[in-house]
Structures are given as C-alpha cells and as structure tokens.
C-alpha cells in the first residue's frame, strides 16, 4: 500500500504506507535506529529476469559500511550444490533476501516448525539424521501454495560437519562466515541436535542454558 515512484532517470523511490519506527500490527516491532536495518525487493514473473536485492544501513548514522552484519552464506555458495536454488514459485533466489522473512519470529502455521533461516536450513540438510526423525517423528515444512515438503528422508551427500562448505571464509561476500565457529548459538546447534533441551539441560553436558551468552565458555 506504499507509493512507488519512477523518477524518470533510471532510479525509483518507494515510500512505505506506515511509520517503520512504530510498527504495531500484525505484531509489534521494537525499532532501534542503532541496529542495522534491511529493505529488500523482488522482481520476477512477466518475462523479466528474476532478481532479489537488499540494502542495509544504520538509521542513526546513515552508515552502510562497518555496521553489524550476519553475512554467513551466499546465494553462490548454495548454488554450488543446488545449481540454481529458486523457491516460493521461483522468485526467491538470494539468501540475503530469504532472511528478511525467515527470521527468529517466523514459524510454519501448519507444522509449528521454526522458520528461522539458520534453524530451518540446518534441519533440512540434517533431514533423515535428525535425532527427532530417527525417533519416529517427521520434519516437514509447508511452503509455496500450501504444499507440504517432507525432509525426513533427506540425506546430505557429504559429512554434515563440513561447515565450511557453506560458510566459506574466503568468500568476500560472506565476511561473517566464521560465526559458525566463533559465535555458537543455541539456535544453530539445537537445529541439528534437536534432542537437546537447553532450557532444562537434558542432553547438554553443561546443563541448562537460558541464552547464548555462555556458549563460548566451552565452545
């Protein structure tokens, strides 16, 4: 419902229909101008080449460089195995675009599964070897046009511990690729080790853990 304007000089402008610093519906978003913000768009269909683009900046300073980022995996890295990864009808092709929706607050209405990118993608790749699946459960996500995608029989054709195959530190497009090792999290670790209950400590040698603040003590 915003205003899209052709500036007639090869550039375009878009004005949101709401105040992005005061979002309350469909859920409240706590706005902090010190945080990195991302705006993203998609072009697809109608015979046009499919394209996803994003722009990151810090509102308090206007800075676009040397700001907080989590660029850990790139479209090109995914396509090394997937050829040309294109989802949701073929219009979603770039991981930087994917995470604008697949963030910690998103979940699948059908299965109840967490759709946070780092959780969902790890679990998809773990597939048949997820402890929950081995114990008889299924891992499925409902996607494009409410279609069910069951990953319970998915087998990664390599060692699951080959983290650098996706998180490539030599790739200039992913300056934060090393986070998998230097900044371990309950969310990332628990995605593959989904039989660990960090809240109670069941399955976790260090016992109960409420958040990620002490992960690096052991890891």
N, C-alpha and C. Protein backbone atom coordinates (compact mmCIF):
# COMPACT_ATOMS: atom_id res chain seq x y z
N UNK A 1 0.81 -1.22 0.00
CA UNK A 1 0.00 0.00 0.00
C UNK A 1 0.84 1.26 0.00
N UNK A 2 2.15 1.12 -0.23
CA UNK A 2 3.02 2.29 -0.28
C UNK A 2 2.95 3.00 -1.62
N UNK A 3 3.84 3.96 -1.81
CA UNK A 3 3.86 4.74 -3.05
C UNK A 3 5.16 4.44 -3.81
N UNK A 4 5.02 3.88 -5.00
CA UNK A 4 6.16 3.54 -5.85
C UNK A 4 6.27 4.61 -6.94
N UNK A 5 7.44 5.21 -7.04
CA UNK A 5 7.62 6.35 -7.96
C UNK A 5 8.76 6.09 -8.92
N UNK A 6 8.49 6.28 -10.22
CA UNK A 6 9.52 6.24 -11.24
C UNK A 6 10.10 7.65 -11.35
N UNK A 7 11.36 7.82 -11.00
CA UNK A 7 11.98 9.14 -11.01
C UNK A 7 12.40 9.59 -12.42
N UNK A 8 12.17 8.70 -13.41
CA UNK A 8 12.42 9.00 -14.83
C UNK A 8 13.89 9.30 -15.13
N UNK A 9 14.76 8.80 -14.27
CA UNK A 9 16.20 8.96 -14.52
C UNK A 9 16.94 7.64 -14.31
N UNK A 10 16.19 6.53 -14.38
CA UNK A 10 16.79 5.22 -14.15
C UNK A 10 16.74 4.79 -12.69
N UNK A 11 16.16 5.64 -11.82
CA UNK A 11 16.02 5.28 -10.41
C UNK A 11 14.55 5.31 -10.02
N UNK A 12 14.25 4.66 -8.91
CA UNK A 12 12.88 4.57 -8.41
C UNK A 12 12.88 4.82 -6.91
N UNK A 13 11.75 5.28 -6.41
CA UNK A 13 11.60 5.53 -4.98
C UNK A 13 10.37 4.79 -4.47
N UNK A 14 10.43 4.39 -3.21
CA UNK A 14 9.27 3.75 -2.60
C UNK A 14 9.08 4.35 -1.21
N UNK A 15 7.87 4.78 -0.94
CA UNK A 15 7.53 5.34 0.37
C UNK A 15 6.57 4.39 1.06
N UNK A 16 6.94 3.91 2.23
CA UNK A 16 6.08 2.99 2.97
C UNK A 16 4.80 3.69 3.40
N UNK A 17 3.74 2.92 3.52
CA UNK A 17 2.45 3.48 3.91
C UNK A 17 2.34 3.63 5.43
N UNK A 18 3.37 3.22 6.15
CA UNK A 18 3.34 3.28 7.61
C UNK A 18 4.68 3.77 8.12
N UNK A 19 4.74 4.15 9.37
CA UNK A 19 5.96 4.61 10.02
C UNK A 19 6.75 3.40 10.47
N UNK A 20 7.89 3.13 9.84
CA UNK A 20 8.65 1.92 10.17
C UNK A 20 9.23 1.95 11.59
N UNK A 21 9.25 3.12 12.21
CA UNK A 21 9.76 3.21 13.58
C UNK A 21 8.66 2.96 14.61
N UNK A 22 7.43 2.70 14.13
CA UNK A 22 6.31 2.49 15.05
C UNK A 22 5.37 1.43 14.50
N UNK A 23 5.89 0.22 14.32
CA UNK A 23 5.09 -0.88 13.78
C UNK A 23 4.44 -1.64 14.94
N UNK A 24 3.13 -1.75 14.89
CA UNK A 24 2.39 -2.46 15.95
C UNK A 24 1.53 -3.59 15.41
N UNK A 25 1.36 -3.68 14.10
CA UNK A 25 0.50 -4.69 13.51
C UNK A 25 1.13 -5.25 12.23
N UNK A 26 1.05 -6.56 11.99
CA UNK A 26 0.35 -7.59 12.75
C UNK A 26 1.05 -7.99 14.04
N UNK A 27 2.26 -7.51 14.27
CA UNK A 27 2.93 -7.71 15.55
C UNK A 27 3.81 -6.50 15.80
N UNK A 28 4.15 -6.28 17.05
CA UNK A 28 4.96 -5.13 17.42
C UNK A 28 6.43 -5.38 17.10
N UNK A 29 7.04 -4.41 16.45
CA UNK A 29 8.47 -4.49 16.12
C UNK A 29 9.19 -3.39 16.89
N UNK A 30 10.10 -3.78 17.75
CA UNK A 30 10.84 -2.81 18.55
C UNK A 30 11.92 -2.16 17.68
N UNK A 31 11.71 -0.92 17.34
CA UNK A 31 12.62 -0.21 16.43
C UNK A 31 13.77 0.41 17.22
N UNK A 32 14.99 0.20 16.75
CA UNK A 32 16.17 0.80 17.35
C UNK A 32 17.04 1.33 16.21
N UNK A 33 17.18 2.66 16.09
CA UNK A 33 17.94 3.24 14.98
C UNK A 33 19.42 2.90 15.00
N UNK A 34 19.90 2.33 16.13
CA UNK A 34 21.30 1.90 16.20
C UNK A 34 21.50 0.56 15.49
N UNK A 35 20.42 -0.19 15.33
CA UNK A 35 20.51 -1.51 14.72
C UNK A 35 20.61 -1.40 13.20
N UNK A 36 21.22 -2.40 12.59
CA UNK A 36 21.25 -2.49 11.13
C UNK A 36 19.84 -2.81 10.64
N UNK A 37 19.38 -2.05 9.65
CA UNK A 37 18.07 -2.28 9.04
C UNK A 37 18.27 -2.78 7.61
N UNK A 38 17.30 -3.53 7.12
CA UNK A 38 17.39 -4.04 5.75
C UNK A 38 16.06 -3.82 5.03
N UNK A 39 16.16 -3.29 3.83
CA UNK A 39 15.00 -3.24 2.93
C UNK A 39 15.35 -4.09 1.72
N UNK A 40 14.38 -4.89 1.26
CA UNK A 40 14.67 -5.82 0.17
C UNK A 40 13.50 -5.84 -0.81
N UNK A 41 13.80 -6.19 -2.06
CA UNK A 41 12.74 -6.29 -3.05
C UNK A 41 13.00 -7.44 -4.02
N UNK A 42 11.93 -7.83 -4.69
CA UNK A 42 11.97 -8.96 -5.62
C UNK A 42 11.36 -8.55 -6.95
N UNK A 43 12.02 -8.92 -8.03
CA UNK A 43 11.46 -8.78 -9.38
C UNK A 43 11.37 -10.19 -9.96
N UNK A 44 10.16 -10.57 -10.39
CA UNK A 44 10.01 -11.89 -11.00
C UNK A 44 8.69 -11.92 -11.77
N UNK A 45 8.57 -12.90 -12.69
CA UNK A 45 7.34 -13.04 -13.47
C UNK A 45 7.27 -12.04 -14.61
N UNK A 46 6.30 -12.21 -15.47
CA UNK A 46 6.09 -11.28 -16.57
C UNK A 46 7.19 -11.27 -17.60
N UNK A 47 8.00 -12.32 -17.65
CA UNK A 47 9.08 -12.38 -18.62
C UNK A 47 10.35 -11.66 -18.20
N UNK A 48 10.35 -11.05 -17.00
CA UNK A 48 11.54 -10.34 -16.53
C UNK A 48 12.50 -11.31 -15.85
N UNK A 49 13.80 -11.05 -15.90
CA UNK A 49 14.75 -11.89 -15.16
C UNK A 49 14.47 -11.79 -13.66
N UNK A 50 14.51 -12.92 -12.96
CA UNK A 50 14.29 -12.93 -11.53
C UNK A 50 15.46 -12.25 -10.82
N UNK A 51 15.14 -11.37 -9.87
CA UNK A 51 16.19 -10.64 -9.17
C UNK A 51 15.73 -10.32 -7.74
N UNK A 52 16.60 -10.57 -6.80
CA UNK A 52 16.42 -10.12 -5.42
C UNK A 52 17.54 -9.16 -5.08
N UNK A 53 17.21 -8.08 -4.41
CA UNK A 53 18.23 -7.13 -3.98
C UNK A 53 17.90 -6.64 -2.57
N UNK A 54 18.92 -6.25 -1.83
CA UNK A 54 18.70 -5.70 -0.50
C UNK A 54 19.65 -4.54 -0.24
N UNK A 55 19.25 -3.69 0.69
CA UNK A 55 20.06 -2.53 1.07
C UNK A 55 20.08 -2.47 2.59
N UNK A 56 21.28 -2.47 3.16
CA UNK A 56 21.44 -2.43 4.61
C UNK A 56 22.03 -1.10 5.04
N UNK A 57 21.52 -0.56 6.15
CA UNK A 57 22.05 0.70 6.66
C UNK A 57 21.72 0.85 8.14
N UNK A 58 22.40 1.78 8.78
CA UNK A 58 22.15 2.10 10.18
C UNK A 58 21.48 3.48 10.23
N UNK A 59 20.19 3.54 10.58
CA UNK A 59 19.45 4.80 10.52
C UNK A 59 20.05 5.92 11.36
N UNK A 60 20.62 5.60 12.52
CA UNK A 60 21.12 6.64 13.41
C UNK A 60 22.27 7.44 12.81
N UNK A 61 23.04 6.79 11.92
CA UNK A 61 24.20 7.45 11.32
C UNK A 61 24.09 7.55 9.80
N UNK A 62 23.25 6.72 9.20
CA UNK A 62 23.17 6.64 7.74
C UNK A 62 24.26 5.78 7.15
N UNK A 63 25.08 5.16 8.02
CA UNK A 63 26.22 4.37 7.55
C UNK A 63 25.76 3.08 6.86
N UNK A 64 26.50 2.69 5.84
CA UNK A 64 26.26 1.42 5.16
C UNK A 64 27.47 0.49 5.26
N UNK A 65 28.59 1.01 5.72
CA UNK A 65 29.80 0.21 5.90
C UNK A 65 30.16 0.13 7.38
N UNK A 66 30.87 -0.93 7.76
CA UNK A 66 31.33 -1.12 9.13
C UNK A 66 30.18 -1.09 10.12
N UNK A 67 29.06 -1.69 9.74
CA UNK A 67 27.91 -1.83 10.63
C UNK A 67 27.69 -3.31 10.91
N UNK A 68 26.89 -3.61 11.93
CA UNK A 68 26.66 -5.00 12.30
C UNK A 68 26.07 -5.79 11.14
N UNK A 69 26.58 -7.00 10.93
CA UNK A 69 26.08 -7.85 9.85
C UNK A 69 26.15 -9.31 10.26
N UNK A 70 25.39 -10.14 9.54
CA UNK A 70 25.46 -11.59 9.71
C UNK A 70 25.47 -12.24 8.32
N UNK A 71 26.42 -11.83 7.50
CA UNK A 71 26.53 -12.38 6.14
C UNK A 71 27.38 -13.63 6.21
N UNK A 72 26.70 -14.77 6.43
CA UNK A 72 27.39 -16.02 6.68
C UNK A 72 27.36 -17.00 5.52
N UNK A 73 26.40 -16.81 4.62
CA UNK A 73 26.26 -17.72 3.49
C UNK A 73 25.73 -16.92 2.31
N UNK A 74 26.12 -17.30 1.11
CA UNK A 74 25.73 -16.53 -0.06
C UNK A 74 24.94 -17.40 -1.04
N UNK A 75 24.23 -16.73 -1.92
CA UNK A 75 23.49 -17.42 -2.98
C UNK A 75 24.42 -18.31 -3.80
N UNK A 76 25.61 -17.78 -4.13
CA UNK A 76 26.55 -18.54 -4.94
C UNK A 76 27.01 -19.81 -4.26
N UNK A 77 27.21 -19.74 -2.93
CA UNK A 77 27.63 -20.93 -2.19
C UNK A 77 26.56 -22.00 -2.22
N UNK A 78 25.30 -21.60 -2.05
CA UNK A 78 24.19 -22.56 -2.12
C UNK A 78 24.14 -23.21 -3.51
N UNK A 79 24.34 -22.39 -4.53
CA UNK A 79 24.21 -22.89 -5.89
C UNK A 79 25.36 -23.79 -6.31
N UNK A 80 26.43 -23.83 -5.52
CA UNK A 80 27.49 -24.79 -5.80
C UNK A 80 26.95 -26.22 -5.78
N UNK A 81 25.96 -26.46 -4.91
CA UNK A 81 25.34 -27.79 -4.84
C UNK A 81 23.98 -27.82 -5.52
N UNK A 82 23.21 -26.74 -5.37
CA UNK A 82 21.82 -26.75 -5.82
C UNK A 82 21.65 -26.33 -7.28
N UNK A 83 22.73 -25.92 -7.92
CA UNK A 83 22.63 -25.50 -9.31
C UNK A 83 22.07 -24.09 -9.40
N UNK A 84 20.75 -23.98 -9.28
CA UNK A 84 20.11 -22.67 -9.23
C UNK A 84 18.93 -22.77 -8.26
N UNK A 85 19.21 -22.42 -7.02
CA UNK A 85 18.20 -22.52 -5.98
C UNK A 85 17.16 -21.42 -6.16
N UNK A 86 15.89 -21.78 -6.35
CA UNK A 86 14.81 -20.81 -6.54
C UNK A 86 13.56 -21.35 -5.87
N UNK A 87 13.05 -20.61 -4.89
CA UNK A 87 11.96 -21.11 -4.06
C UNK A 87 10.74 -20.20 -4.12
N UNK A 88 9.66 -20.65 -3.49
CA UNK A 88 8.40 -19.90 -3.46
C UNK A 88 7.93 -19.54 -4.87
N UNK A 89 7.91 -20.54 -5.75
CA UNK A 89 7.48 -20.31 -7.11
C UNK A 89 8.58 -19.83 -8.02
N UNK A 90 9.82 -19.78 -7.51
CA UNK A 90 10.96 -19.41 -8.33
C UNK A 90 11.42 -17.98 -8.17
N UNK A 91 10.72 -17.18 -7.34
CA UNK A 91 11.07 -15.77 -7.22
C UNK A 91 12.04 -15.43 -6.11
N UNK A 92 12.34 -16.40 -5.25
CA UNK A 92 13.25 -16.14 -4.12
C UNK A 92 14.55 -16.90 -4.38
N UNK A 93 15.62 -16.16 -4.64
CA UNK A 93 16.86 -16.80 -5.08
C UNK A 93 18.09 -16.40 -4.27
N UNK A 94 17.97 -15.37 -3.44
CA UNK A 94 19.15 -14.83 -2.76
C UNK A 94 18.98 -14.98 -1.25
N UNK A 95 19.98 -15.56 -0.59
CA UNK A 95 19.89 -15.80 0.85
C UNK A 95 19.71 -14.50 1.64
N UNK A 96 20.29 -13.41 1.18
CA UNK A 96 20.14 -12.13 1.88
C UNK A 96 18.69 -11.66 1.86
N UNK A 97 17.96 -12.07 0.83
CA UNK A 97 16.53 -11.77 0.73
C UNK A 97 15.73 -12.74 1.59
N UNK A 98 16.13 -14.00 1.57
CA UNK A 98 15.40 -15.04 2.31
C UNK A 98 15.28 -14.70 3.80
N UNK A 99 16.37 -14.20 4.39
CA UNK A 99 16.38 -14.00 5.84
C UNK A 99 15.53 -12.82 6.28
N UNK A 100 15.05 -11.98 5.36
CA UNK A 100 14.16 -10.89 5.78
C UNK A 100 12.85 -11.45 6.31
N UNK A 101 12.42 -12.60 5.79
CA UNK A 101 11.21 -13.26 6.30
C UNK A 101 11.56 -14.42 7.23
N UNK A 102 12.58 -15.17 6.85
CA UNK A 102 12.98 -16.32 7.66
C UNK A 102 13.88 -15.85 8.81
N UNK A 103 13.24 -15.18 9.76
CA UNK A 103 13.94 -14.63 10.92
C UNK A 103 13.41 -15.30 12.18
N UNK A 104 13.99 -15.02 13.35
CA UNK A 104 13.60 -15.74 14.58
C UNK A 104 12.13 -15.66 14.96
N UNK A 105 11.38 -14.70 14.41
CA UNK A 105 9.98 -14.57 14.80
C UNK A 105 9.03 -15.34 13.89
N UNK A 106 9.56 -16.04 12.88
CA UNK A 106 8.70 -16.71 11.90
C UNK A 106 8.55 -18.20 12.21
N UNK A 107 7.35 -18.70 11.96
CA UNK A 107 7.09 -20.13 12.17
C UNK A 107 6.08 -20.62 11.13
N UNK A 108 6.04 -21.93 10.93
CA UNK A 108 5.15 -22.55 9.96
C UNK A 108 3.79 -22.81 10.62
N UNK A 109 2.75 -22.21 10.08
CA UNK A 109 1.42 -22.34 10.68
C UNK A 109 0.92 -23.78 10.65
N UNK A 110 1.36 -24.57 9.68
CA UNK A 110 0.89 -25.95 9.55
C UNK A 110 1.58 -26.90 10.52
N UNK A 111 2.91 -26.85 10.53
CA UNK A 111 3.67 -27.80 11.34
C UNK A 111 4.09 -27.26 12.69
N UNK A 112 4.10 -25.92 12.81
CA UNK A 112 4.60 -25.31 14.04
C UNK A 112 6.11 -25.20 14.09
N UNK A 113 6.78 -25.64 13.02
CA UNK A 113 8.24 -25.61 12.99
C UNK A 113 8.76 -24.17 12.90
N UNK A 114 9.91 -23.96 13.50
CA UNK A 114 10.59 -22.67 13.43
C UNK A 114 11.12 -22.46 12.02
N UNK A 115 10.82 -21.29 11.42
CA UNK A 115 11.27 -21.00 10.06
C UNK A 115 12.48 -20.07 10.02
N UNK A 116 13.06 -19.79 11.19
CA UNK A 116 14.29 -19.01 11.23
C UNK A 116 15.31 -19.67 10.32
N UNK A 117 15.95 -18.90 9.45
CA UNK A 117 16.79 -19.46 8.39
C UNK A 117 17.85 -20.41 8.92
N UNK A 118 18.55 -19.98 9.99
CA UNK A 118 19.64 -20.82 10.49
C UNK A 118 19.15 -22.12 11.10
N UNK A 119 17.92 -22.12 11.59
CA UNK A 119 17.33 -23.34 12.14
C UNK A 119 16.79 -24.21 11.01
N UNK A 120 15.96 -23.64 10.16
CA UNK A 120 15.30 -24.39 9.10
C UNK A 120 16.29 -25.03 8.13
N UNK A 121 17.28 -24.26 7.67
CA UNK A 121 18.21 -24.78 6.66
C UNK A 121 19.09 -25.89 7.24
N UNK A 122 19.55 -25.70 8.48
CA UNK A 122 20.34 -26.77 9.10
C UNK A 122 19.51 -28.04 9.24
N UNK A 123 18.25 -27.89 9.65
CA UNK A 123 17.40 -29.07 9.85
C UNK A 123 17.08 -29.75 8.52
N UNK A 124 16.88 -28.98 7.47
CA UNK A 124 16.63 -29.57 6.14
C UNK A 124 17.83 -30.41 5.71
N UNK A 125 19.03 -29.87 5.89
CA UNK A 125 20.23 -30.59 5.48
C UNK A 125 20.49 -31.82 6.36
N UNK A 126 20.10 -31.73 7.62
CA UNK A 126 20.27 -32.87 8.53
C UNK A 126 19.25 -33.97 8.23
N UNK A 127 18.02 -33.54 7.89
CA UNK A 127 16.97 -34.43 7.41
C UNK A 127 16.80 -35.74 8.13
N UNK A 128 17.10 -36.83 7.43
CA UNK A 128 16.87 -38.18 7.95
C UNK A 128 17.69 -38.48 9.19
N UNK A 129 18.74 -37.71 9.41
CA UNK A 129 19.62 -37.98 10.56
C UNK A 129 19.33 -37.09 11.76
N UNK A 130 18.25 -36.31 11.68
CA UNK A 130 17.84 -35.56 12.86
C UNK A 130 17.45 -36.55 13.96
N UNK A 131 17.89 -36.35 15.19
CA UNK A 131 17.50 -37.27 16.27
C UNK A 131 16.00 -37.45 16.38
N UNK A 132 15.23 -36.38 16.17
CA UNK A 132 13.78 -36.48 16.25
C UNK A 132 13.22 -37.40 15.16
N UNK A 133 13.80 -37.32 13.96
CA UNK A 133 13.35 -38.17 12.85
C UNK A 133 13.74 -39.62 13.10
N UNK A 134 14.93 -39.84 13.60
CA UNK A 134 15.38 -41.20 13.92
C UNK A 134 14.44 -41.83 14.95
N UNK A 135 13.89 -40.99 15.83
CA UNK A 135 12.98 -41.48 16.87
C UNK A 135 11.53 -41.56 16.39
N UNK A 136 11.30 -41.37 15.08
CA UNK A 136 9.98 -41.61 14.54
C UNK A 136 9.18 -40.40 14.12
N UNK A 137 9.66 -39.21 14.42
CA UNK A 137 8.94 -38.01 14.03
C UNK A 137 9.26 -37.67 12.58
N UNK A 138 8.56 -36.69 12.01
CA UNK A 138 8.88 -36.22 10.68
C UNK A 138 9.33 -34.77 10.76
N UNK A 139 10.10 -34.36 9.77
CA UNK A 139 10.45 -32.93 9.67
C UNK A 139 9.90 -32.42 8.34
N UNK A 140 8.85 -31.64 8.40
CA UNK A 140 8.19 -31.15 7.19
C UNK A 140 7.86 -29.68 7.32
N UNK A 141 7.90 -28.98 6.20
CA UNK A 141 7.56 -27.56 6.12
C UNK A 141 6.52 -27.39 5.01
N UNK A 142 5.50 -26.61 5.28
CA UNK A 142 4.52 -26.28 4.24
C UNK A 142 4.96 -24.99 3.56
N UNK A 143 5.07 -25.04 2.23
CA UNK A 143 5.63 -23.92 1.51
C UNK A 143 4.70 -23.33 0.47
N UNK A 144 5.24 -23.10 -0.70
CA UNK A 144 4.55 -22.40 -1.79
C UNK A 144 3.17 -23.01 -2.06
N UNK A 145 2.16 -22.17 -2.03
CA UNK A 145 0.77 -22.58 -2.27
C UNK A 145 0.35 -23.72 -1.34
N UNK A 146 0.81 -23.64 -0.11
CA UNK A 146 0.43 -24.58 0.94
C UNK A 146 0.79 -26.02 0.61
N UNK A 147 1.94 -26.21 -0.05
CA UNK A 147 2.40 -27.55 -0.40
C UNK A 147 3.33 -28.08 0.69
N UNK A 148 3.18 -29.35 1.00
CA UNK A 148 3.98 -29.97 2.05
C UNK A 148 5.30 -30.47 1.49
N UNK A 149 6.38 -30.15 2.20
CA UNK A 149 7.72 -30.62 1.82
C UNK A 149 8.29 -31.39 3.00
N UNK A 150 8.37 -32.70 2.84
CA UNK A 150 8.84 -33.57 3.91
C UNK A 150 10.33 -33.85 3.71
N UNK A 151 11.13 -33.40 4.64
CA UNK A 151 12.58 -33.57 4.54
C UNK A 151 13.08 -34.73 5.42
N UNK A 152 12.17 -35.56 5.86
CA UNK A 152 12.53 -36.64 6.78
C UNK A 152 13.39 -37.72 6.12
N UNK A 153 13.44 -37.73 4.80
CA UNK A 153 14.27 -38.73 4.10
C UNK A 153 15.46 -38.07 3.38
N UNK A 154 15.70 -36.80 3.68
CA UNK A 154 16.80 -36.08 3.02
C UNK A 154 18.14 -36.52 3.59
N UNK A 155 19.07 -36.80 2.71
CA UNK A 155 20.42 -37.17 3.12
C UNK A 155 21.42 -36.21 2.48
N UNK A 156 22.21 -35.54 3.28
CA UNK A 156 23.26 -34.66 2.76
C UNK A 156 24.38 -35.52 2.20
N UNK A 157 24.77 -35.32 0.93
CA UNK A 157 25.77 -36.20 0.31
C UNK A 157 27.20 -35.86 0.69
N UNK A 158 27.42 -35.55 1.96
CA UNK A 158 28.76 -35.28 2.48
C UNK A 158 28.67 -35.31 3.99
N UNK A 159 29.81 -35.15 4.64
CA UNK A 159 29.85 -35.11 6.09
C UNK A 159 29.16 -33.84 6.59
N UNK A 160 28.18 -33.99 7.48
CA UNK A 160 27.43 -32.85 8.00
C UNK A 160 28.34 -31.86 8.73
N UNK A 161 29.51 -32.32 9.16
CA UNK A 161 30.45 -31.46 9.89
C UNK A 161 31.30 -30.58 8.98
N UNK A 162 31.06 -30.68 7.68
CA UNK A 162 31.81 -29.87 6.72
C UNK A 162 31.18 -28.47 6.65
N UNK A 163 31.22 -27.75 7.75
CA UNK A 163 30.55 -26.45 7.85
C UNK A 163 31.08 -25.44 6.85
N UNK A 164 32.38 -25.50 6.56
CA UNK A 164 32.98 -24.50 5.68
C UNK A 164 32.56 -24.66 4.22
N UNK A 165 31.89 -25.76 3.90
CA UNK A 165 31.39 -25.91 2.54
C UNK A 165 30.30 -24.87 2.25
N UNK A 166 29.54 -24.52 3.27
CA UNK A 166 28.52 -23.47 3.14
C UNK A 166 29.02 -22.13 3.68
N UNK A 167 29.74 -22.19 4.78
CA UNK A 167 30.25 -20.97 5.43
C UNK A 167 31.72 -20.78 5.04
N UNK A 168 31.91 -20.18 3.87
CA UNK A 168 33.22 -20.08 3.25
C UNK A 168 33.91 -18.77 3.65
N UNK A 169 34.93 -18.90 4.49
CA UNK A 169 35.63 -17.71 5.00
C UNK A 169 36.41 -16.97 3.91
N UNK A 170 36.72 -17.63 2.82
CA UNK A 170 37.48 -17.00 1.74
C UNK A 170 36.59 -16.20 0.80
N UNK A 171 35.27 -16.32 0.97
CA UNK A 171 34.32 -15.63 0.10
C UNK A 171 34.11 -14.20 0.61
N UNK A 172 34.45 -13.22 -0.20
CA UNK A 172 34.33 -11.82 0.22
C UNK A 172 32.87 -11.42 0.44
N UNK A 173 31.94 -12.18 -0.12
CA UNK A 173 30.52 -11.87 0.06
C UNK A 173 30.00 -12.31 1.42
N UNK A 174 30.80 -13.11 2.13
CA UNK A 174 30.37 -13.61 3.44
C UNK A 174 31.44 -13.34 4.50
N UNK A 175 31.62 -12.07 4.86
CA UNK A 175 32.65 -11.72 5.84
C UNK A 175 32.41 -12.30 7.24
N UNK A 176 31.17 -12.76 7.50
CA UNK A 176 30.86 -13.31 8.82
C UNK A 176 30.77 -14.83 8.80
N UNK A 177 31.33 -15.46 7.77
CA UNK A 177 31.22 -16.91 7.61
C UNK A 177 31.78 -17.66 8.82
N UNK A 178 32.72 -17.07 9.52
CA UNK A 178 33.38 -17.75 10.64
C UNK A 178 32.52 -17.78 11.91
N UNK A 179 31.38 -17.11 11.85
CA UNK A 179 30.50 -17.09 13.03
C UNK A 179 30.11 -18.48 13.51
N UNK A 180 29.99 -19.43 12.57
CA UNK A 180 29.57 -20.78 12.96
C UNK A 180 30.51 -21.35 14.01
N UNK A 181 31.80 -20.94 13.97
CA UNK A 181 32.78 -21.46 14.91
C UNK A 181 33.02 -20.50 16.08
N UNK A 182 33.03 -19.20 15.78
CA UNK A 182 33.40 -18.22 16.80
C UNK A 182 32.22 -17.73 17.64
N UNK A 183 31.00 -17.87 17.12
CA UNK A 183 29.82 -17.41 17.85
C UNK A 183 28.74 -18.48 17.84
N UNK A 184 28.98 -19.59 18.52
CA UNK A 184 27.98 -20.67 18.57
C UNK A 184 26.71 -20.21 19.27
N UNK A 185 25.56 -20.76 18.83
CA UNK A 185 24.28 -20.37 19.42
C UNK A 185 23.41 -21.59 19.70
N UNK A 186 22.51 -21.44 20.63
CA UNK A 186 21.53 -22.48 20.93
C UNK A 186 20.72 -22.81 19.69
N UNK A 187 20.37 -21.76 18.92
CA UNK A 187 19.51 -21.96 17.77
C UNK A 187 20.19 -22.80 16.69
N UNK A 188 21.44 -22.46 16.37
CA UNK A 188 22.15 -23.19 15.32
C UNK A 188 22.50 -24.60 15.77
N UNK A 189 23.04 -24.74 16.97
CA UNK A 189 23.43 -26.07 17.46
C UNK A 189 22.21 -26.95 17.68
N UNK A 190 21.15 -26.35 18.25
CA UNK A 190 19.95 -27.11 18.54
C UNK A 190 19.18 -27.52 17.30
N UNK A 191 19.47 -26.90 16.15
CA UNK A 191 18.77 -27.28 14.93
C UNK A 191 19.14 -28.69 14.50
N UNK A 192 20.41 -29.02 14.55
CA UNK A 192 20.84 -30.38 14.21
C UNK A 192 20.69 -31.32 15.41
N UNK A 193 21.02 -30.81 16.59
CA UNK A 193 20.91 -31.61 17.81
C UNK A 193 19.55 -31.32 18.44
N UNK A 194 18.48 -31.72 17.74
CA UNK A 194 17.15 -31.33 18.20
C UNK A 194 16.61 -32.20 19.33
N UNK A 195 17.46 -33.08 19.87
CA UNK A 195 17.10 -33.85 21.06
C UNK A 195 17.67 -33.21 22.32
N UNK A 196 18.32 -32.06 22.17
CA UNK A 196 18.87 -31.33 23.32
C UNK A 196 17.86 -30.28 23.77
N UNK A 197 17.59 -30.25 25.06
CA UNK A 197 16.72 -29.24 25.64
C UNK A 197 17.60 -28.29 26.45
N UNK A 198 17.93 -27.17 25.84
CA UNK A 198 18.84 -26.24 26.51
C UNK A 198 18.21 -25.60 27.74
N UNK A 199 16.90 -25.45 27.73
CA UNK A 199 16.21 -24.81 28.86
C UNK A 199 16.30 -25.65 30.13
N UNK A 200 16.21 -26.98 29.95
CA UNK A 200 16.27 -27.87 31.12
C UNK A 200 17.66 -28.49 31.31
N UNK A 201 18.45 -28.49 30.24
CA UNK A 201 19.77 -29.10 30.30
C UNK A 201 19.81 -30.54 29.85
N UNK A 202 18.67 -31.13 29.51
CA UNK A 202 18.63 -32.53 29.06
C UNK A 202 19.39 -32.67 27.74
N UNK A 203 20.38 -33.55 27.74
CA UNK A 203 21.17 -33.78 26.56
C UNK A 203 22.32 -32.81 26.37
N UNK A 204 22.48 -31.88 27.32
CA UNK A 204 23.54 -30.87 27.21
C UNK A 204 24.49 -31.04 28.38
N UNK A 205 25.74 -31.37 28.08
CA UNK A 205 26.70 -31.69 29.13
C UNK A 205 26.90 -30.56 30.13
N UNK A 206 26.73 -29.32 29.66
CA UNK A 206 26.94 -28.17 30.55
C UNK A 206 25.69 -27.83 31.36
N UNK A 207 24.61 -28.59 31.16
CA UNK A 207 23.39 -28.34 31.91
C UNK A 207 22.51 -27.29 31.24
N UNK A 208 21.59 -26.74 32.02
CA UNK A 208 20.64 -25.77 31.49
C UNK A 208 21.34 -24.50 31.04
N UNK A 209 20.82 -23.93 29.97
CA UNK A 209 21.39 -22.70 29.42
C UNK A 209 20.25 -21.85 28.86
N UNK A 210 20.11 -20.63 29.38
CA UNK A 210 18.98 -19.78 29.04
C UNK A 210 19.17 -19.01 27.74
N UNK A 211 20.43 -18.69 27.41
CA UNK A 211 20.69 -17.89 26.23
C UNK A 211 22.08 -18.22 25.69
N UNK A 212 22.56 -17.42 24.73
CA UNK A 212 23.82 -17.72 24.06
C UNK A 212 25.05 -17.09 24.71
N UNK A 213 24.85 -16.39 25.81
CA UNK A 213 25.94 -15.59 26.40
C UNK A 213 27.11 -16.41 26.91
N UNK A 214 26.86 -17.69 27.26
CA UNK A 214 27.95 -18.51 27.81
C UNK A 214 28.41 -19.62 26.88
N UNK A 215 27.89 -19.66 25.64
CA UNK A 215 28.27 -20.73 24.71
C UNK A 215 29.79 -20.82 24.52
N UNK A 216 30.42 -19.66 24.40
CA UNK A 216 31.85 -19.64 24.11
C UNK A 216 32.71 -20.09 25.28
N UNK A 217 32.12 -20.20 26.46
CA UNK A 217 32.87 -20.68 27.62
C UNK A 217 33.43 -22.08 27.36
N UNK A 218 32.60 -22.92 26.73
CA UNK A 218 33.03 -24.28 26.40
C UNK A 218 33.44 -24.42 24.94
N UNK A 219 32.69 -23.78 24.07
CA UNK A 219 32.94 -23.92 22.64
C UNK A 219 33.87 -22.82 22.15
